[in-house]
PDB file of N, CA and C in Angstrom:
ATOM      1  N   MET A   1     -35.822 -22.056 -24.511  1.00  0.00           N
ATOM      2  CA  MET A   1     -34.544 -22.436 -25.082  1.00  0.00           C
ATOM      3  C   MET A   1     -33.592 -21.255 -24.999  1.00  0.00           C
ATOM      4  N   SER A   2     -32.321 -21.506 -24.661  1.00  0.00           N
ATOM      5  CA  SER A   2     -31.330 -20.448 -24.545  1.00  0.00           C
ATOM      6  C   SER A   2     -30.976 -19.882 -25.901  1.00  0.00           C
ATOM      7  N   GLN A   3     -30.773 -18.587 -25.905  1.00  0.00           N
ATOM      8  CA  GLN A   3     -30.340 -17.909 -27.124  1.00  0.00           C
ATOM      9  C   GLN A   3     -28.814 -17.925 -27.199  1.00  0.00           C
ATOM     10  N   PRO A   4     -28.263 -18.061 -28.367  1.00  0.00           N
ATOM     11  CA  PRO A   4     -26.803 -18.004 -28.490  1.00  0.00           C
ATOM     12  C   PRO A   4     -26.299 -16.615 -28.118  1.00  0.00           C
ATOM     13  N   ILE A   5     -25.106 -16.551 -27.584  1.00  0.00           N
ATOM     14  CA  ILE A   5     -24.487 -15.273 -27.242  1.00  0.00           C
ATOM     15  C   ILE A   5     -23.961 -14.642 -28.514  1.00  0.00           C
ATOM     16  N   GLN A   6     -24.353 -13.402 -28.731  1.00  0.00           N
ATOM     17  CA  GLN A   6     -23.885 -12.678 -29.905  1.00  0.00           C
ATOM     18  C   GLN A   6     -22.497 -12.106 -29.619  1.00  0.00           C
ATOM     19  N   SER A   7     -21.622 -12.275 -30.537  1.00  0.00           N
ATOM     20  CA  SER A   7     -20.268 -11.760 -30.404  1.00  0.00           C
ATOM     21  C   SER A   7     -19.997 -10.779 -31.521  1.00  0.00           C
ATOM     22  N   HIS A   8     -19.329  -9.702 -31.172  1.00  0.00           N
ATOM     23  CA  HIS A   8     -18.949  -8.694 -32.157  1.00  0.00           C
ATOM     24  C   HIS A   8     -17.434  -8.683 -32.277  1.00  0.00           C
ATOM     25  N   SER A   9     -16.945  -8.531 -33.464  1.00  0.00           N
ATOM     26  CA  SER A   9     -15.497  -8.590 -33.678  1.00  0.00           C
ATOM     27  C   SER A   9     -14.756  -7.494 -32.931  1.00  0.00           C
ATOM     28  N   SER A  10     -15.429  -6.385 -32.583  1.00  0.00           N
ATOM     29  CA  SER A  10     -14.755  -5.307 -31.869  1.00  0.00           C
ATOM     30  C   SER A  10     -14.681  -5.571 -30.369  1.00  0.00           C
ATOM     31  N   ASP A  11     -15.435  -6.571 -29.876  1.00  0.00           N
ATOM     32  CA  ASP A  11     -15.395  -6.892 -28.458  1.00  0.00           C
ATOM     33  C   ASP A  11     -14.113  -7.646 -28.148  1.00  0.00           C
ATOM     34  N   THR A  12     -13.445  -7.212 -27.088  1.00  0.00           N
ATOM     35  CA  THR A  12     -12.242  -7.894 -26.653  1.00  0.00           C
ATOM     36  C   THR A  12     -12.420  -8.276 -25.196  1.00  0.00           C
ATOM     37  N   ILE A  13     -12.205  -9.514 -24.888  1.00  0.00           N
ATOM     38  CA  ILE A  13     -12.309  -9.993 -23.521  1.00  0.00           C
ATOM     39  C   ILE A  13     -10.891 -10.191 -22.994  1.00  0.00           C
ATOM     40  N   TYR A  14     -10.614  -9.511 -21.901  1.00  0.00           N
ATOM     41  CA  TYR A  14      -9.300  -9.613 -21.294  1.00  0.00           C
ATOM     42  C   TYR A  14      -9.380 -10.509 -20.070  1.00  0.00           C
ATOM     43  N   MET A  15      -8.484 -11.452 -19.990  1.00  0.00           N
ATOM     44  CA  MET A  15      -8.402 -12.326 -18.825  1.00  0.00           C
ATOM     45  C   MET A  15      -7.117 -11.975 -18.092  1.00  0.00           C
ATOM     46  N   ILE A  16      -7.185 -11.987 -16.778  1.00  0.00           N
ATOM     47  CA  ILE A  16      -6.008 -11.712 -15.973  1.00  0.00           C
ATOM     48  C   ILE A  16      -5.801 -12.898 -15.038  1.00  0.00           C
ATOM     49  N   THR A  17      -4.562 -13.167 -14.697  1.00  0.00           N
ATOM     50  CA  THR A  17      -4.260 -14.289 -13.814  1.00  0.00           C
ATOM     51  C   THR A  17      -3.945 -13.784 -12.413  1.00  0.00           C
ATOM     52  N   LYS A  18      -4.024 -14.705 -11.463  1.00  0.00           N
ATOM     53  CA  LYS A  18      -3.676 -14.343 -10.091  1.00  0.00           C
ATOM     54  C   LYS A  18      -2.206 -13.950  -9.987  1.00  0.00           C
ATOM     55  N   GLU A  19      -1.371 -14.537 -10.824  1.00  0.00           N
ATOM     56  CA  GLU A  19       0.047 -14.188 -10.826  1.00  0.00           C
ATOM     57  C   GLU A  19       0.254 -12.743 -11.306  1.00  0.00           C
ATOM     58  N   GLU A  20      -0.524 -12.330 -12.312  1.00  0.00           N
ATOM     59  CA  GLU A  20      -0.419 -10.955 -12.810  1.00  0.00           C
ATOM     60  C   GLU A  20      -0.890  -9.952 -11.755  1.00  0.00           C
ATOM     61  N   ILE A  21      -1.959 -10.294 -11.050  1.00  0.00           N
ATOM     62  CA  ILE A  21      -2.439  -9.410  -9.992  1.00  0.00           C
ATOM     63  C   ILE A  21      -1.397  -9.297  -8.889  1.00  0.00           C
ATOM     64  N   LYS A  22      -0.823 -10.419  -8.499  1.00  0.00           N
ATOM     65  CA  LYS A  22       0.235 -10.427  -7.482  1.00  0.00           C
ATOM     66  C   LYS A  22       1.376  -9.508  -7.904  1.00  0.00           C
ATOM     67  N   GLN A  23       1.799  -9.619  -9.148  1.00  0.00           N
ATOM     68  CA  GLN A  23       2.911  -8.810  -9.648  1.00  0.00           C
ATOM     69  C   GLN A  23       2.557  -7.320  -9.654  1.00  0.00           C
ATOM     70  N   LEU A  24       1.343  -6.990 -10.093  1.00  0.00           N
ATOM     71  CA  LEU A  24       0.915  -5.590 -10.110  1.00  0.00           C
ATOM     72  C   LEU A  24       0.932  -4.988  -8.715  1.00  0.00           C
ATOM     73  N   ILE A  25       0.412  -5.734  -7.744  1.00  0.00           N
ATOM     74  CA  ILE A  25       0.367  -5.236  -6.368  1.00  0.00           C
ATOM     75  C   ILE A  25       1.768  -5.091  -5.807  1.00  0.00           C
ATOM     76  N   GLU A  26       2.603  -6.109  -5.993  1.00  0.00           N
ATOM     77  CA  GLU A  26       3.957  -6.064  -5.439  1.00  0.00           C
ATOM     78  C   GLU A  26       4.817  -5.005  -6.125  1.00  0.00           C
ATOM     79  N   ASP A  27       4.580  -4.752  -7.394  1.00  0.00           N
ATOM     80  CA  ASP A  27       5.301  -3.673  -8.082  1.00  0.00           C
ATOM     81  C   ASP A  27       4.826  -2.303  -7.602  1.00  0.00           C
ATOM     82  N   GLY A  28       3.527  -2.191  -7.320  1.00  0.00           N
ATOM     83  CA  GLY A  28       2.944  -0.920  -6.923  1.00  0.00           C
ATOM     84  C   GLY A  28       3.153  -0.567  -5.466  1.00  0.00           C
ATOM     85  N   LEU A  29       3.368  -1.580  -4.635  1.00  0.00           N
ATOM     86  CA  LEU A  29       3.648  -1.377  -3.211  1.00  0.00           C
ATOM     87  C   LEU A  29       4.977  -2.067  -2.885  1.00  0.00           C
ATOM     88  N   PRO A  30       6.088  -1.434  -3.230  1.00  0.00           N
ATOM     89  CA  PRO A  30       7.387  -2.078  -3.026  1.00  0.00           C
ATOM     90  C   PRO A  30       7.565  -2.567  -1.588  1.00  0.00           C
ATOM     91  N   GLY A  31       8.084  -3.771  -1.470  1.00  0.00           N
ATOM     92  CA  GLY A  31       8.333  -4.364  -0.170  1.00  0.00           C
ATOM     93  C   GLY A  31       7.156  -5.137   0.398  1.00  0.00           C
ATOM     94  N   CYS A  32       6.025  -5.097  -0.274  1.00  0.00           N
ATOM     95  CA  CYS A  32       4.858  -5.831   0.227  1.00  0.00           C
ATOM     96  C   CYS A  32       4.911  -7.281  -0.234  1.00  0.00           C
ATOM     97  N   THR A  33       4.076  -8.086   0.386  1.00  0.00           N
ATOM     98  CA  THR A  33       3.871  -9.471  -0.033  1.00  0.00           C
ATOM     99  C   THR A  33       2.397  -9.625  -0.360  1.00  0.00           C
ATOM    100  N   ALA A  34       2.102 -10.140  -1.541  1.00  0.00           N
ATOM    101  CA  ALA A  34       0.715 -10.367  -1.958  1.00  0.00           C
ATOM    102  C   ALA A  34       0.522 -11.854  -2.226  1.00  0.00           C
ATOM    103  N   MET A  35      -0.550 -12.399  -1.687  1.00  0.00           N
ATOM    104  CA  MET A  35      -0.934 -13.787  -1.926  1.00  0.00           C
ATOM    105  C   MET A  35      -2.328 -13.748  -2.535  1.00  0.00           C
ATOM    106  N   ILE A  36      -2.446 -14.177  -3.771  1.00  0.00           N
ATOM    107  CA  ILE A  36      -3.709 -14.077  -4.506  1.00  0.00           C
ATOM    108  C   ILE A  36      -4.191 -15.481  -4.865  1.00  0.00           C
ATOM    109  N   THR A  37      -5.486 -15.712  -4.680  1.00  0.00           N
ATOM    110  CA  THR A  37      -6.097 -16.973  -5.088  1.00  0.00           C
ATOM    111  C   THR A  37      -7.262 -16.660  -6.018  1.00  0.00           C
ATOM    112  N   GLY A  38      -7.659 -17.665  -6.774  1.00  0.00           N
ATOM    113  CA  GLY A  38      -8.773 -17.529  -7.712  1.00  0.00           C
ATOM    114  C   GLY A  38      -8.336 -17.962  -9.091  1.00  0.00           C
ATOM    115  N   ASP A  39      -9.113 -18.838  -9.698  1.00  0.00           N
ATOM    116  CA  ASP A  39      -8.703 -19.396 -10.981  1.00  0.00           C
ATOM    117  C   ASP A  39      -9.731 -19.211 -12.092  1.00  0.00           C
ATOM    118  N   ASP A  40     -10.767 -18.391 -11.862  1.00  0.00           N
ATOM    119  CA  ASP A  40     -11.777 -18.255 -12.910  1.00  0.00           C
ATOM    120  C   ASP A  40     -11.522 -17.073 -13.840  1.00  0.00           C
ATOM    121  N   GLY A  41     -10.460 -16.304 -13.582  1.00  0.00           N
ATOM    122  CA  GLY A  41     -10.107 -15.206 -14.473  1.00  0.00           C
ATOM    123  C   GLY A  41     -10.778 -13.889 -14.164  1.00  0.00           C
ATOM    124  N   SER A  42     -11.684 -13.840 -13.167  1.00  0.00           N
ATOM    125  CA  SER A  42     -12.292 -12.554 -12.847  1.00  0.00           C
ATOM    126  C   SER A  42     -12.612 -12.368 -11.369  1.00  0.00           C
ATOM    127  N   HIS A  43     -12.674 -13.430 -10.587  1.00  0.00           N
ATOM    128  CA  HIS A  43     -12.959 -13.349  -9.156  1.00  0.00           C
ATOM    129  C   HIS A  43     -11.744 -13.829  -8.382  1.00  0.00           C
ATOM    130  N   PHE A  44     -11.248 -12.971  -7.491  1.00  0.00           N
ATOM    131  CA  PHE A  44     -10.021 -13.281  -6.780  1.00  0.00           C
ATOM    132  C   PHE A  44     -10.151 -12.919  -5.306  1.00  0.00           C
ATOM    133  N   ASP A  45      -9.312 -13.538  -4.493  1.00  0.00           N
ATOM    134  CA  ASP A  45      -9.153 -13.189  -3.082  1.00  0.00           C
ATOM    135  C   ASP A  45      -7.677 -12.946  -2.850  1.00  0.00           C
ATOM    136  N   GLY A  46      -7.392 -12.037  -1.937  1.00  0.00           N
ATOM    137  CA  GLY A  46      -5.997 -11.730  -1.689  1.00  0.00           C
ATOM    138  C   GLY A  46      -5.710 -11.374  -0.251  1.00  0.00           C
ATOM    139  N   ILE A  47      -4.488 -11.641   0.128  1.00  0.00           N
ATOM    140  CA  ILE A  47      -3.920 -11.172   1.390  1.00  0.00           C
ATOM    141  C   ILE A  47      -2.715 -10.338   0.990  1.00  0.00           C
ATOM    142  N   VAL A  48      -2.656  -9.115   1.516  1.00  0.00           N
ATOM    143  CA  VAL A  48      -1.544  -8.230   1.209  1.00  0.00           C
ATOM    144  C   VAL A  48      -0.945  -7.757   2.526  1.00  0.00           C
ATOM    145  N   ILE A  49       0.359  -7.906   2.634  1.00  0.00           N
ATOM    146  CA  ILE A  49       1.090  -7.527   3.842  1.00  0.00           C
ATOM    147  C   ILE A  49       2.063  -6.420   3.458  1.00  0.00           C
ATOM    148  N   SER A  50       1.941  -5.268   4.135  1.00  0.00           N
ATOM    149  CA  SER A  50       2.806  -4.139   3.803  1.00  0.00           C
ATOM    150  C   SER A  50       2.991  -3.225   5.005  1.00  0.00           C
ATOM    151  N   SER A  51       4.210  -2.740   5.182  1.00  0.00           N
ATOM    152  CA  SER A  51       4.471  -1.753   6.232  1.00  0.00           C
ATOM    153  C   SER A  51       3.795  -0.423   5.902  1.00  0.00           C
ATOM    154  N   GLU A  52       3.418  -0.222   4.638  1.00  0.00           N
ATOM    155  CA  GLU A  52       2.713   0.999   4.222  1.00  0.00           C
ATOM    156  C   GLU A  52       1.335   1.112   4.880  1.00  0.00           C
ATOM    157  N   PHE A  53       0.812   0.017   5.410  1.00  0.00           N
ATOM    158  CA  PHE A  53      -0.511   0.022   6.010  1.00  0.00           C
ATOM    159  C   PHE A  53      -0.519   0.560   7.439  1.00  0.00           C
ATOM    160  N   ALA A  54       0.661   0.692   8.042  1.00  0.00           N
ATOM    161  CA  ALA A  54       0.749   1.143   9.436  1.00  0.00           C
ATOM    162  C   ALA A  54       0.070   2.494   9.610  1.00  0.00           C
ATOM    163  N   GLY A  55      -0.810   2.567  10.607  1.00  0.00           N
ATOM    164  CA  GLY A  55      -1.492   3.812  10.931  1.00  0.00           C
ATOM    165  C   GLY A  55      -2.653   4.161  10.020  1.00  0.00           C
ATOM    166  N   LYS A  56      -2.955   3.317   9.044  1.00  0.00           N
ATOM    167  CA  LYS A  56      -4.052   3.580   8.105  1.00  0.00           C
ATOM    168  C   LYS A  56      -5.234   2.666   8.430  1.00  0.00           C
ATOM    169  N   ASN A  57      -6.453   3.191   8.245  1.00  0.00           N
ATOM    170  CA  ASN A  57      -7.621   2.340   8.461  1.00  0.00           C
ATOM    171  C   ASN A  57      -7.768   1.375   7.279  1.00  0.00           C
ATOM    172  N   THR A  58      -8.680   0.428   7.423  1.00  0.00           N
ATOM    173  CA  THR A  58      -8.859  -0.613   6.404  1.00  0.00           C
ATOM    174  C   THR A  58      -9.177  -0.026   5.037  1.00  0.00           C
ATOM    175  N   LEU A  59     -10.043   0.971   4.989  1.00  0.00           N
ATOM    176  CA  LEU A  59     -10.404   1.579   3.708  1.00  0.00           C
ATOM    177  C   LEU A  59      -9.178   2.186   3.021  1.00  0.00           C
ATOM    178  N   ALA A  60      -8.358   2.888   3.767  1.00  0.00           N
ATOM    179  CA  ALA A  60      -7.148   3.490   3.190  1.00  0.00           C
ATOM    180  C   ALA A  60      -6.180   2.408   2.720  1.00  0.00           C
ATOM    181  N   GLN A  61      -6.079   1.318   3.466  1.00  0.00           N
ATOM    182  CA  GLN A  61      -5.214   0.212   3.063  1.00  0.00           C
ATOM    183  C   GLN A  61      -5.699  -0.393   1.753  1.00  0.00           C
ATOM    184  N   HIS A  62      -6.997  -0.621   1.647  1.00  0.00           N
ATOM    185  CA  HIS A  62      -7.551  -1.213   0.421  1.00  0.00           C
ATOM    186  C   HIS A  62      -7.385  -0.266  -0.764  1.00  0.00           C
ATOM    187  N   ARG A  63      -7.516   1.016  -0.533  1.00  0.00           N
ATOM    188  CA  ARG A  63      -7.300   1.982  -1.621  1.00  0.00           C
ATOM    189  C   ARG A  63      -5.877   1.908  -2.143  1.00  0.00           C
ATOM    190  N   LEU A  64      -4.909   1.765  -1.240  1.00  0.00           N
ATOM    191  CA  LEU A  64      -3.513   1.634  -1.677  1.00  0.00           C
ATOM    192  C   LEU A  64      -3.359   0.437  -2.612  1.00  0.00           C
ATOM    193  N   VAL A  65      -3.981  -0.671  -2.250  1.00  0.00           N
ATOM    194  CA  VAL A  65      -3.880  -1.880  -3.079  1.00  0.00           C
ATOM    195  C   VAL A  65      -4.608  -1.676  -4.405  1.00  0.00           C
ATOM    196  N   PHE A  66      -5.852  -1.185  -4.353  1.00  0.00           N
ATOM    197  CA  PHE A  66      -6.619  -0.995  -5.584  1.00  0.00           C
ATOM    198  C   PHE A  66      -5.931  -0.020  -6.532  1.00  0.00           C
ATOM    199  N   ASN A  67      -5.229   0.961  -5.988  1.00  0.00           N
ATOM    200  CA  ASN A  67      -4.494   1.908  -6.844  1.00  0.00           C
ATOM    201  C   ASN A  67      -3.412   1.211  -7.664  1.00  0.00           C
ATOM    202  N   THR A  68      -2.866   0.124  -7.155  1.00  0.00           N
ATOM    203  CA  THR A  68      -1.826  -0.600  -7.898  1.00  0.00           C
ATOM    204  C   THR A  68      -2.403  -1.329  -9.110  1.00  0.00           C
ATOM    205  N   LEU A  69      -3.720  -1.512  -9.129  1.00  0.00           N
ATOM    206  CA  LEU A  69      -4.366  -2.266 -10.214  1.00  0.00           C
ATOM    207  C   LEU A  69      -4.839  -1.376 -11.354  1.00  0.00           C
ATOM    208  N   GLY A  70      -4.612  -0.069 -11.237  1.00  0.00           N
ATOM    209  CA  GLY A  70      -5.025   0.849 -12.291  1.00  0.00           C
ATOM    210  C   GLY A  70      -6.525   0.788 -12.502  1.00  0.00           C
ATOM    211  N   ASP A  71      -6.961   0.775 -13.754  1.00  0.00           N
ATOM    212  CA  ASP A  71      -8.397   0.785 -14.057  1.00  0.00           C
ATOM    213  C   ASP A  71      -8.970  -0.622 -14.249  1.00  0.00           C
ATOM    214  N   ARG A  72      -8.224  -1.640 -13.874  1.00  0.00           N
ATOM    215  CA  ARG A  72      -8.670  -3.015 -14.118  1.00  0.00           C
ATOM    216  C   ARG A  72      -9.954  -3.382 -13.364  1.00  0.00           C
ATOM    217  N   MET A  73     -10.206  -2.742 -12.216  1.00  0.00           N
ATOM    218  CA  MET A  73     -11.454  -2.996 -11.496  1.00  0.00           C
ATOM    219  C   MET A  73     -12.617  -2.290 -12.192  1.00  0.00           C
ATOM    220  N   GLN A  74     -12.413  -1.046 -12.619  1.00  0.00           N
ATOM    221  CA  GLN A  74     -13.476  -0.278 -13.260  1.00  0.00           C
ATOM    222  C   GLN A  74     -13.849  -0.833 -14.628  1.00  0.00           C
ATOM    223  N   THR A  75     -12.899  -1.379 -15.346  1.00  0.00           N
ATOM    224  CA  THR A  75     -13.164  -1.878 -16.694  1.00  0.00           C
ATOM    225  C   THR A  75     -13.650  -3.322 -16.709  1.00  0.00           C
ATOM    226  N   GLY A  76     -13.662  -3.968 -15.548  1.00  0.00           N
ATOM    227  CA  GLY A  76     -14.161  -5.335 -15.475  1.00  0.00           C
ATOM    228  C   GLY A  76     -13.136  -6.415 -15.759  1.00  0.00           C
ATOM    229  N   VAL A  77     -11.881  -6.029 -15.998  1.00  0.00           N
ATOM    230  CA  VAL A  77     -10.837  -7.045 -16.176  1.00  0.00           C
ATOM    231  C   VAL A  77     -10.765  -7.893 -14.907  1.00  0.00           C
ATOM    232  N   ILE A  78     -10.859  -7.223 -13.749  1.00  0.00           N
ATOM    233  CA  ILE A  78     -10.989  -7.909 -12.464  1.00  0.00           C
ATOM    234  C   ILE A  78     -12.397  -7.600 -11.985  1.00  0.00           C
ATOM    235  N   HIS A  79     -13.237  -8.615 -11.943  1.00  0.00           N
ATOM    236  CA  HIS A  79     -14.627  -8.396 -11.544  1.00  0.00           C
ATOM    237  C   HIS A  79     -14.738  -8.213 -10.030  1.00  0.00           C
ATOM    238  N   ALA A  80     -14.006  -9.019  -9.275  1.00  0.00           N
ATOM    239  CA  ALA A  80     -14.080  -8.948  -7.822  1.00  0.00           C
ATOM    240  C   ALA A  80     -12.744  -9.332  -7.211  1.00  0.00           C
ATOM    241  N   LEU A  81     -12.353  -8.585  -6.186  1.00  0.00           N
ATOM    242  CA  LEU A  81     -11.139  -8.893  -5.439  1.00  0.00           C
ATOM    243  C   LEU A  81     -11.447  -8.721  -3.962  1.00  0.00           C
ATOM    244  N   GLY A  82     -11.680  -9.850  -3.281  1.00  0.00           N
ATOM    245  CA  GLY A  82     -11.834  -9.820  -1.832  1.00  0.00           C
ATOM    246  C   GLY A  82     -10.447  -9.721  -1.232  1.00  0.00           C
ATOM    247  N   MET A  83     -10.304  -8.889  -0.193  1.00  0.00           N
ATOM    248  CA  MET A  83      -8.951  -8.627   0.264  1.00  0.00           C
ATOM    249  C   MET A  83      -8.886  -8.471   1.771  1.00  0.00           C
ATOM    250  N   LYS A  84      -7.796  -8.988   2.328  1.00  0.00           N
ATOM    251  CA  LYS A  84      -7.438  -8.748   3.719  1.00  0.00           C
ATOM    252  C   LYS A  84      -6.054  -8.120   3.699  1.00  0.00           C
ATOM    253  N   THR A  85      -5.893  -7.073   4.492  1.00  0.00           N
ATOM    254  CA  THR A  85      -4.614  -6.371   4.532  1.00  0.00           C
ATOM    255  C   THR A  85      -4.060  -6.386   5.951  1.00  0.00           C
ATOM    256  N   TYR A  86      -2.741  -6.503   6.038  1.00  0.00           N
ATOM    257  CA  TYR A  86      -2.062  -6.581   7.325  1.00  0.00           C
ATOM    258  C   TYR A  86      -0.743  -5.831   7.255  1.00  0.00           C
ATOM    259  N   THR A  87      -0.342  -5.254   8.396  1.00  0.00           N
ATOM    260  CA  THR A  87       1.046  -4.815   8.528  1.00  0.00           C
ATOM    261  C   THR A  87       1.859  -6.078   8.810  1.00  0.00           C
ATOM    262  N   PRO A  88       3.175  -6.030   8.639  1.00  0.00           N
ATOM    263  CA  PRO A  88       3.971  -7.222   8.956  1.00  0.00           C
ATOM    264  C   PRO A  88       3.778  -7.686  10.407  1.00  0.00           C
ATOM    265  N   GLU A  89       3.631  -6.730  11.323  1.00  0.00           N
ATOM    266  CA  GLU A  89       3.440  -7.079  12.733  1.00  0.00           C
ATOM    267  C   GLU A  89       2.088  -7.764  12.948  1.00  0.00           C
ATOM    268  N   GLU A  90       1.039  -7.248  12.309  1.00  0.00           N
ATOM    269  CA  GLU A  90      -0.289  -7.876  12.407  1.00  0.00           C
ATOM    270  C   GLU A  90      -0.272  -9.284  11.824  1.00  0.00           C
ATOM    271  N   TRP A  91       0.407  -9.443  10.701  1.00  0.00           N
ATOM    272  CA  TRP A  91       0.494 -10.758  10.061  1.00  0.00           C
ATOM    273  C   TRP A  91       1.231 -11.748  10.962  1.00  0.00           C
ATOM    274  N   GLU A  92       2.326 -11.290  11.558  1.00  0.00           N
ATOM    275  CA  GLU A  92       3.096 -12.142  12.462  1.00  0.00           C
ATOM    276  C   GLU A  92       2.238 -12.564  13.649  1.00  0.00           C
ATOM    277  N   ALA A  93       1.523 -11.620  14.249  1.00  0.00           N
ATOM    278  CA  ALA A  93       0.664 -11.931  15.406  1.00  0.00           C
ATOM    279  C   ALA A  93      -0.460 -12.887  15.002  1.00  0.00           C
ATOM    280  N   GLN A  94      -0.989 -12.712  13.803  1.00  0.00           N
ATOM    281  CA  GLN A  94      -2.085 -13.549  13.301  1.00  0.00           C
ATOM    282  C   GLN A  94      -1.642 -14.991  13.097  1.00  0.00           C
ATOM    283  N   ASN A  95      -0.386 -15.190  12.783  1.00  0.00           N
ATOM    284  CA  ASN A  95       0.100 -16.511  12.390  1.00  0.00           C
ATOM    285  C   ASN A  95       1.019 -17.170  13.418  1.00  0.00           C
ATOM    286  N   ASN A  96       0.993 -16.684  14.627  1.00  0.00           N
ATOM    287  CA  ASN A  96       1.782 -17.324  15.711  1.00  0.00           C
ATOM    288  C   ASN A  96       0.894 -17.812  16.805  1.00  0.00           C
TER     289      ASN A  96
END
């Protein structure tokens, strides 16, 4: 039989929305476009398009995006964010 989950009054659960993540990324990388999906409050996927990615490898591009989220990944507010990053030129080529 399952045990009930114990809750402590000092525990605070923070939920974040895909709209909030989009805003954080777009505020942190001015001029970028972020498209975020995911509705469970902790697992998200995103596409981020930014001219800031030009000349940077994928890891450096993802770091730029993760930096816009502050400590939300480390603290578990965002449990997972799958991401694809593109320069505007790469995005245009991908979608034509």
